[in-house]
Amino acid sequence: MYAPRMAELICNYARTGIVLPAGVATTVDVGINNASQWLCVIKNTGANPITALSLATSPLGTIFEALIAVTENIPLAAGASLPAISGCGEPVLYLRLVLTSSLGTTVTINAAGN
């Protein structure tokens, strides 16, 4: 399998310490930058579980498709990562993540693509 070098990546997103306040749905728009092959990993870096996750994509950044609830591996325990969310042959400008933690937590999100 071909692994692109960092310089070849269209999407190179890394954000740490994203706070999910207790019981509040928090929206994070991940810049995919029209990469047609991409993946996104979410890690729960806090002390409490992530209790809900929904996602949607936007091809041009002006409108998003309807949110889709992710139920597999949710709740996501403290210290755990979700299996990668990926797109292949689906160039999008943004991946919208809506994350909730009933008790509050923090997350790290990394995405890459070409």
Protein backbone atom coordinates (compact mmCIF):
# COMPACT_ATOMS: atom_id res chain seq x y z
CA MET A 1 0.00 0.00 0.00
CA TYR A 2 1.28 3.45 -0.95
CA ALA A 3 1.84 5.81 1.98
CA PRO A 4 2.03 9.47 0.92
CA ARG A 5 4.75 11.70 2.31
CA MET A 6 3.58 14.62 4.44
CA ALA A 7 4.34 17.06 1.61
CA GLU A 8 1.88 15.19 -0.65
CA LEU A 9 -1.03 15.45 1.76
CA ILE A 10 -3.92 17.72 0.80
CA CYS A 11 -5.50 17.15 4.20
CA ASN A 12 -3.26 17.35 7.25
CA TYR A 13 -5.40 18.15 10.30
CA ALA A 14 -4.32 17.78 13.93
CA ARG A 15 -6.13 19.27 16.89
CA THR A 16 -5.60 18.37 20.54
CA GLY A 17 -7.34 19.29 23.77
CA ILE A 18 -10.81 19.79 22.31
CA VAL A 19 -13.09 20.22 25.33
CA LEU A 20 -16.47 18.49 25.34
CA PRO A 21 -18.46 20.16 28.15
CA ALA A 22 -20.75 17.84 30.12
CA GLY A 23 -23.95 17.11 28.21
CA VAL A 24 -23.28 19.63 25.42
CA ALA A 25 -23.08 18.57 21.77
CA THR A 26 -19.85 20.06 20.39
CA THR A 27 -19.37 20.58 16.65
CA VAL A 28 -15.92 20.26 15.09
CA ASP A 29 -15.45 20.87 11.36
CA VAL A 30 -12.41 18.94 10.14
CA GLY A 31 -10.83 20.39 6.99
CA ILE A 32 -10.49 17.54 4.48
CA ASN A 33 -9.57 20.08 1.75
CA ASN A 34 -11.04 18.08 -1.15
CA ALA A 35 -8.83 15.06 -0.60
CA SER A 36 -10.46 12.09 -2.36
CA GLN A 37 -8.85 9.49 -0.09
CA TRP A 38 -8.87 10.47 3.57
CA LEU A 39 -9.17 9.16 7.08
CA CYS A 40 -9.92 10.68 10.45
CA VAL A 41 -9.13 9.28 13.91
CA ILE A 42 -10.77 10.44 17.13
CA LYS A 43 -9.13 9.71 20.49
CA ASN A 44 -10.78 10.28 23.85
CA THR A 45 -8.00 11.91 25.88
CA GLY A 46 -10.13 12.76 28.89
CA ALA A 47 -11.37 10.87 31.93
CA ASN A 48 -15.00 10.24 30.88
CA PRO A 49 -16.59 8.45 27.91
CA ILE A 50 -17.76 10.03 24.68
CA THR A 51 -21.46 9.14 24.71
CA ALA A 52 -22.61 10.29 21.25
CA LEU A 53 -21.07 10.97 17.85
CA SER A 54 -22.69 12.07 14.60
CA LEU A 55 -21.02 13.02 11.34
CA ALA A 56 -21.75 14.68 8.02
CA THR A 57 -19.74 15.82 5.00
CA SER A 58 -19.82 18.93 2.84
CA PRO A 59 -18.46 18.92 -0.72
CA LEU A 60 -18.16 22.71 -0.99
CA GLY A 61 -18.34 23.91 2.61
CA THR A 62 -21.66 25.71 2.21
CA ILE A 63 -24.14 22.95 3.09
CA PHE A 64 -23.75 19.64 4.88
CA GLU A 65 -25.56 16.37 4.36
CA ALA A 66 -27.86 15.20 7.16
CA LEU A 67 -25.99 14.06 10.26
CA ILE A 68 -25.53 10.31 10.62
CA ALA A 69 -25.34 8.86 14.13
CA VAL A 70 -22.37 6.59 14.83
CA THR A 71 -23.33 3.81 17.23
CA GLU A 72 -20.49 1.31 16.86
CA ASN A 73 -17.87 1.66 19.64
CA ILE A 74 -19.97 4.34 21.37
CA PRO A 75 -19.70 5.02 24.26
CA LEU A 76 -15.97 5.48 23.70
CA ALA A 77 -14.02 4.88 26.90
CA ALA A 78 -11.39 7.24 28.26
CA GLY A 79 -8.06 6.67 26.49
CA ALA A 80 -9.64 4.78 23.58
CA SER A 81 -9.66 5.65 19.86
CA LEU A 82 -12.42 4.99 17.36
CA PRO A 83 -11.62 2.96 14.26
CA ALA A 84 -10.78 5.43 11.48
CA ILE A 85 -13.57 7.23 9.68
CA SER A 86 -12.60 7.22 6.02
CA GLY A 87 -13.61 8.28 2.55
CA CYS A 88 -12.37 6.90 -0.75
CA GLY A 89 -13.35 8.50 -4.04
CA GLU A 90 -15.41 11.02 -2.05
CA PRO A 91 -13.70 14.42 -2.19
CA VAL A 92 -15.14 16.66 0.51
CA LEU A 93 -14.15 20.04 1.87
CA TYR A 94 -15.22 19.38 5.48
CA LEU A 95 -16.10 16.48 7.73
CA ARG A 96 -18.42 17.68 10.49
CA LEU A 97 -18.23 15.81 13.79
CA VAL A 98 -20.76 16.39 16.56
CA LEU A 99 -19.44 14.90 19.79
CA THR A 100 -21.09 14.62 23.21
CA SER A 101 -19.89 13.42 26.58
CA SER A 102 -22.52 13.17 29.33
CA LEU A 103 -19.87 13.85 32.00
CA GLY A 104 -17.47 15.98 29.93
CA THR A 105 -14.11 14.95 28.44
CA THR A 106 -11.43 16.04 25.97
CA VAL A 107 -10.55 14.64 22.55
CA THR A 108 -7.79 14.71 19.96
CA ILE A 109 -8.63 14.54 16.25
CA ASN A 110 -6.18 13.74 13.46
CA ALA A 111 -7.03 13.53 9.76
CA ALA A 112 -4.95 13.05 6.63
CA GLY A 113 -5.63 12.50 2.98
CA ASN A 114 -4.53 13.03 -0.59
